[in-house]
Protein backbone atom coordinates (compact mmCIF):
# COMPACT_ATOMS: atom_id res chain seq x y z
CA UNK A 1 108.12 33.91 112.72
CA UNK A 2 110.32 36.88 113.26
CA UNK A 3 110.96 37.08 109.40
CA UNK A 4 107.49 37.47 109.07
CA UNK A 5 107.20 40.67 111.68
CA UNK A 6 110.19 41.93 109.89
CA UNK A 7 108.53 41.83 106.33
CA UNK A 8 105.31 43.06 107.50
CA UNK A 9 107.17 46.10 109.26
CA UNK A 10 109.06 46.80 106.14
CA UNK A 11 105.59 46.32 103.86
CA UNK A 12 103.69 48.80 106.03
CA UNK A 13 106.92 51.51 106.31
CA UNK A 14 106.89 51.43 102.34
CA UNK A 15 102.92 51.50 102.10
CA UNK A 16 103.35 54.97 104.54
CA UNK A 17 106.02 56.32 102.46
CA UNK A 18 104.05 55.71 99.12
CA UNK A 19 100.74 57.03 100.82
CA UNK A 20 100.84 60.79 99.64
CA UNK A 21 97.79 61.05 97.17
CA UNK A 22 96.00 63.98 95.68
CA UNK A 23 93.19 63.36 98.60
CA UNK A 24 95.83 64.33 101.02
CA UNK A 25 97.82 67.69 99.11
CA UNK A 26 95.76 69.75 96.82
CA UNK A 27 96.39 73.10 95.17
CA UNK A 28 94.82 75.88 97.48
CA UNK A 29 93.47 78.82 95.91
CA UNK A 30 90.44 80.36 93.78
CA UNK A 31 88.90 78.56 91.18
CA UNK A 32 87.75 82.19 89.36
CA UNK A 33 90.02 85.08 88.30
CA UNK A 34 90.06 87.98 85.96
CA UNK A 35 92.37 88.41 83.00
CA UNK A 36 95.91 89.78 83.96
CA UNK A 37 94.98 88.96 87.82
CA UNK A 38 98.16 87.90 89.60
CA UNK A 39 97.33 85.09 91.59
CA UNK A 40 99.25 82.68 94.44
CA UNK A 41 98.74 79.24 94.34
CA UNK A 42 100.14 76.81 97.10
CA UNK A 43 99.94 73.39 97.95
CA UNK A 44 97.65 72.77 101.07
CA UNK A 45 98.79 69.18 102.80
CA UNK A 46 95.69 67.57 104.65
CA UNK A 47 97.67 64.99 106.35
CA UNK A 48 98.29 63.51 109.88
CA UNK A 49 101.43 61.97 108.64
CA UNK A 50 104.25 64.28 107.81
CA UNK A 51 104.83 64.59 104.47
CA UNK A 52 108.19 65.46 102.39
CA UNK A 53 107.55 66.79 99.41
CA UNK A 54 110.36 67.55 96.60
CA UNK A 55 111.05 68.29 92.76
CA UNK A 56 108.41 70.93 92.16
CA UNK A 57 107.30 71.11 88.50
CA UNK A 58 104.36 73.57 87.56
CA UNK A 59 102.58 73.75 84.60
CA UNK A 60 99.39 75.38 82.61
CA UNK A 61 97.19 74.56 80.13
CA UNK A 62 97.13 75.83 77.79
CA UNK A 63 100.36 77.54 78.35
CA UNK A 64 100.20 80.41 75.35
CA UNK A 65 99.73 84.12 76.95
CA UNK A 66 100.09 82.55 80.39
CA UNK A 67 102.67 83.17 83.10
CA UNK A 68 104.09 81.06 85.67
CA UNK A 69 106.71 82.54 88.45
CA UNK A 70 109.05 80.51 90.24
CA UNK A 71 107.43 76.97 89.16
CA UNK A 72 109.99 75.14 91.10
CA UNK A 73 108.90 76.13 94.63
CA UNK A 74 105.77 74.82 96.02
CA UNK A 75 104.14 78.01 95.50
CA UNK A 76 103.49 79.85 92.03
CA UNK A 77 102.03 83.27 90.96
CA UNK A 78 99.74 82.62 87.94
CA UNK A 79 98.49 85.00 85.02
CA UNK A 80 96.37 84.64 82.39
CA UNK A 81 96.23 87.33 79.23
CA UNK A 82 93.14 86.01 78.13
CA UNK A 83 89.83 85.03 79.60
CA UNK A 84 88.90 80.97 79.41
CA UNK A 85 89.51 77.73 80.91
CA UNK A 86 92.89 76.82 82.52
CA UNK A 87 94.04 73.47 83.90
CA UNK A 88 97.16 73.96 86.47
CA UNK A 89 99.30 70.75 87.27
CA UNK A 90 102.09 70.61 89.73
CA UNK A 91 104.00 67.38 89.75
CA UNK A 92 106.17 66.44 92.74
CA UNK A 93 108.03 63.49 94.44
CA UNK A 94 106.76 62.06 97.76
CA UNK A 95 109.63 59.44 98.81
CA UNK A 96 110.18 57.35 95.76
CA UNK A 97 106.76 58.04 93.98
CA UNK A 98 105.97 61.16 91.67
CA UNK A 99 102.28 62.88 92.11
CA UNK A 100 100.62 64.86 89.97
CA UNK A 101 97.73 67.01 91.25
CA UNK A 102 95.80 69.66 88.92
CA UNK A 103 93.14 72.35 89.75
CA UNK A 104 90.71 73.61 87.21
CA UNK A 105 90.59 77.61 86.47
CA UNK A 106 87.93 80.04 84.80
CA UNK A 107 89.34 82.98 83.91
CA UNK A 108 87.05 86.14 83.14
CA UNK A 109 86.98 89.20 81.26
CA UNK A 110 86.98 92.46 83.38
CA UNK A 111 83.53 94.44 84.05
CA UNK A 112 83.50 97.94 84.91
CA UNK A 113 80.16 99.64 85.83
CA UNK A 114 80.53 103.33 87.08
CA UNK A 115 84.27 103.25 86.43
CA UNK A 116 84.53 100.58 89.28
CA UNK A 117 86.27 97.24 88.12
CA UNK A 118 84.23 94.48 89.59
CA UNK A 119 85.46 91.19 91.39
CA UNK A 120 84.87 88.14 89.93
CA UNK A 121 81.98 85.94 90.89
CA UNK A 122 83.63 83.64 93.00
CA UNK A 123 82.83 79.56 93.59
CA UNK A 124 80.10 79.33 96.05
CA UNK A 125 81.29 76.72 97.91
CA UNK A 126 84.52 78.63 98.87
CA UNK A 127 82.79 81.56 98.89
CA UNK A 128 80.34 80.22 101.63
CA UNK A 129 83.29 78.30 103.85
CA UNK A 130 83.55 81.38 106.61
CA UNK A 131 81.40 84.03 107.61
CA UNK A 132 83.32 86.97 105.56
CA UNK A 133 83.74 84.88 102.31
CA UNK A 134 85.63 86.01 99.63
CA UNK A 135 86.71 89.73 99.29
CA UNK A 136 89.49 89.60 96.67
CA UNK A 137 89.63 93.36 95.91
CA UNK A 138 90.04 93.82 99.60
CA UNK A 139 87.39 96.89 99.66
CA UNK A 140 85.40 95.20 102.78
CA UNK A 141 82.90 94.33 101.06
CA UNK A 142 81.94 90.19 99.83
CA UNK A 143 82.56 89.94 96.08
CA UNK A 144 79.25 88.35 95.38
CA UNK A 145 77.41 90.97 97.13
CA UNK A 146 79.38 93.41 95.61
CA UNK A 147 78.73 92.50 91.98
CA UNK A 148 74.99 92.00 92.48
CA UNK A 149 75.18 95.81 94.03
CA UNK A 150 76.72 96.93 90.97
CA UNK A 151 74.54 95.12 88.90
CA UNK A 152 71.18 95.92 90.21
CA UNK A 153 71.48 99.33 90.65
CA UNK A 154 71.63 102.02 87.47
CA UNK A 155 72.33 104.81 89.50
CA UNK A 156 75.44 106.08 90.89
CA UNK A 157 74.08 107.57 94.34
CA UNK A 158 72.01 104.22 94.86
CA UNK A 159 75.10 101.52 94.62
CA UNK A 160 77.17 103.78 96.71
CA UNK A 161 74.69 104.18 99.43
CA UNK A 162 74.05 100.41 99.01
CA UNK A 163 77.83 99.55 98.88
CA UNK A 164 78.27 101.28 102.17
CA UNK A 165 75.79 99.71 103.88
CA UNK A 166 77.14 95.95 102.33
CA UNK A 167 80.68 97.48 104.00
CA UNK A 168 78.88 97.62 107.90
CA UNK A 169 76.72 94.49 107.08
CA UNK A 170 80.52 92.92 106.23
CA UNK A 171 82.02 94.63 109.68
CA UNK A 172 79.02 92.49 111.62
CA UNK A 173 80.00 89.15 110.08
CA UNK A 174 84.04 89.66 110.10
CA UNK A 175 84.18 89.64 114.04
CA UNK A 176 82.72 88.30 117.71
CA UNK A 177 80.59 90.68 118.37
CA UNK A 178 80.12 92.16 121.96
CA UNK A 179 77.71 94.31 123.22
CA UNK A 180 79.98 97.54 122.79
CA UNK A 181 80.88 96.78 119.30
CA UNK A 182 77.18 95.69 118.37
CA UNK A 183 76.02 99.12 119.99
CA UNK A 184 78.91 101.12 117.89
CA UNK A 185 77.66 99.23 114.64
CA UNK A 186 74.02 100.31 115.80
CA UNK A 187 75.18 103.88 115.92
CA UNK A 188 76.27 103.64 111.93
CA UNK A 189 73.27 101.85 111.34
CA UNK A 190 71.07 104.35 112.73
CA UNK A 191 72.58 107.28 110.68
CA UNK A 192 72.25 104.88 107.55
CA UNK A 193 68.57 104.15 107.80
CA UNK A 194 68.16 108.26 108.36
CA UNK A 195 70.00 108.36 105.04
CA UNK A 196 67.96 106.05 103.62
CA UNK A 197 64.53 107.47 104.84
CA UNK A 198 65.64 110.86 103.14
CA UNK A 199 66.95 109.15 100.10
CA UNK A 200 63.34 107.31 99.79
CA UNK A 201 61.84 110.89 99.25
CA UNK A 202 63.57 111.12 95.85
CA UNK A 203 62.68 107.72 95.01
CA UNK A 204 66.33 106.55 95.45
CA UNK A 205 65.79 103.89 98.00
CA UNK A 206 62.99 101.43 99.93
CA UNK A 207 62.57 99.11 102.21
CA UNK A 208 62.90 96.35 98.99
CA UNK A 209 66.23 97.83 99.03
CA UNK A 210 67.12 96.75 102.58
CA UNK A 211 65.25 93.10 102.10
CA UNK A 212 67.41 92.89 98.82
CA UNK A 213 70.65 93.59 100.82
CA UNK A 214 69.89 91.38 103.72
CA UNK A 215 69.06 88.33 101.30
CA UNK A 216 72.07 88.73 99.50
CA UNK A 217 74.33 89.13 102.40
CA UNK A 218 72.90 86.50 105.29
CA UNK A 219 72.60 83.55 102.79
CA UNK A 220 74.00 80.80 104.95
CA UNK A 221 73.05 79.46 108.09
CA UNK A 222 76.09 80.59 109.67
CA UNK A 223 75.74 84.09 108.24
CA UNK A 224 72.24 84.52 109.87
CA UNK A 225 73.05 83.07 112.75
CA UNK A 226 75.84 85.83 113.17
CA UNK A 227 73.17 88.41 112.55
CA UNK A 228 70.72 87.19 115.08
CA UNK A 229 73.67 87.18 117.55
CA UNK A 230 74.33 91.02 116.69
CA UNK A 231 70.61 91.46 117.53
CA UNK A 232 70.68 89.74 120.35
CA UNK A 233 74.20 91.96 121.49
CA UNK A 234 71.79 94.76 121.26
CA UNK A 235 69.17 93.50 123.43
CA UNK A 236 68.46 95.14 126.50
CA UNK A 237 69.71 98.88 125.08
CA UNK A 238 67.13 101.59 124.05
CA UNK A 239 67.45 102.57 120.45
CA UNK A 240 65.80 105.38 118.19
CA UNK A 241 66.34 108.73 116.21
CA UNK A 242 64.42 112.05 115.93
CA UNK A 243 62.38 113.44 112.80
CA UNK A 244 64.80 115.80 112.49
CA UNK A 245 67.89 113.39 112.30
CA UNK A 246 65.83 111.96 108.81
CA UNK A 247 67.93 113.99 106.10
CA UNK A 248 70.30 114.07 103.13
CA UNK A 249 72.93 115.29 106.32
CA UNK A 250 72.57 111.57 107.40
CA UNK A 251 74.33 110.03 104.26
CA UNK A 252 78.17 110.02 103.87
CA UNK A 253 79.99 112.47 102.39
CA UNK A 254 80.14 110.18 99.34
CA UNK A 255 76.67 109.49 98.93
CA UNK A 256 75.96 113.57 99.81
CA UNK A 257 78.44 114.73 96.81
CA UNK A 258 76.69 112.09 94.04
CA UNK A 259 73.53 113.61 95.57
CA UNK A 260 74.88 117.54 94.49
CA UNK A 261 76.27 116.10 91.23
CA UNK A 262 72.99 114.55 89.92
CA UNK A 263 70.80 117.70 90.76
CA UNK A 264 68.88 115.45 93.21
CA UNK A 265 67.56 117.93 94.87
């Protein structure tokens, strides 16, 4: 009986040592990149057990015109010179077991609108995991929202105004809203509304633009809930504007400059 227990113990131990699988270790990072964008991928361990991984070896297929830096560590910098589909792989050892996992990467050509480089369209699932989503160029606007705005508006002044509004929405989603913060954002929003009404006199904005932005920004249940919490934090306050405040002067300096440059009025 003692020998059976000993044998059982070692059997369980061996199973534990070899338990590491692709479901417990994944390659963490975006699946959509731009041409020549340097991006770091790393191994993500999703296991309650302590895993000791060693002997990393990364590769990419096809390998032509690509770059992998430090391919013997748990992190890697990947760059592709041309658009296309790539398969990133890493092989490592766990105990006496060799494991290989992979991740599909799609690299897109660069796009420019108004001399502005568009971020790549993010993957829906990864983009919707959090309230703030993916902002790969760190400009304070979610990538999918930025792309939709720049592709919709054919006048630079319209795009600039809508991007500024989108940045405020992103700020609302970025942190826990208190009454004090909500009132601060409301002041910015009030000026933007005054600017919007002034721009509508020149057929540059309309209520449809506001609906469009709300629909593309608050596009998950959690984001809608966050926006409702923002409005709830404003409850009990008195907010309004004077007719005299509705003018081009309510717009940002960037928008005012574009209005002058484009001879809007």
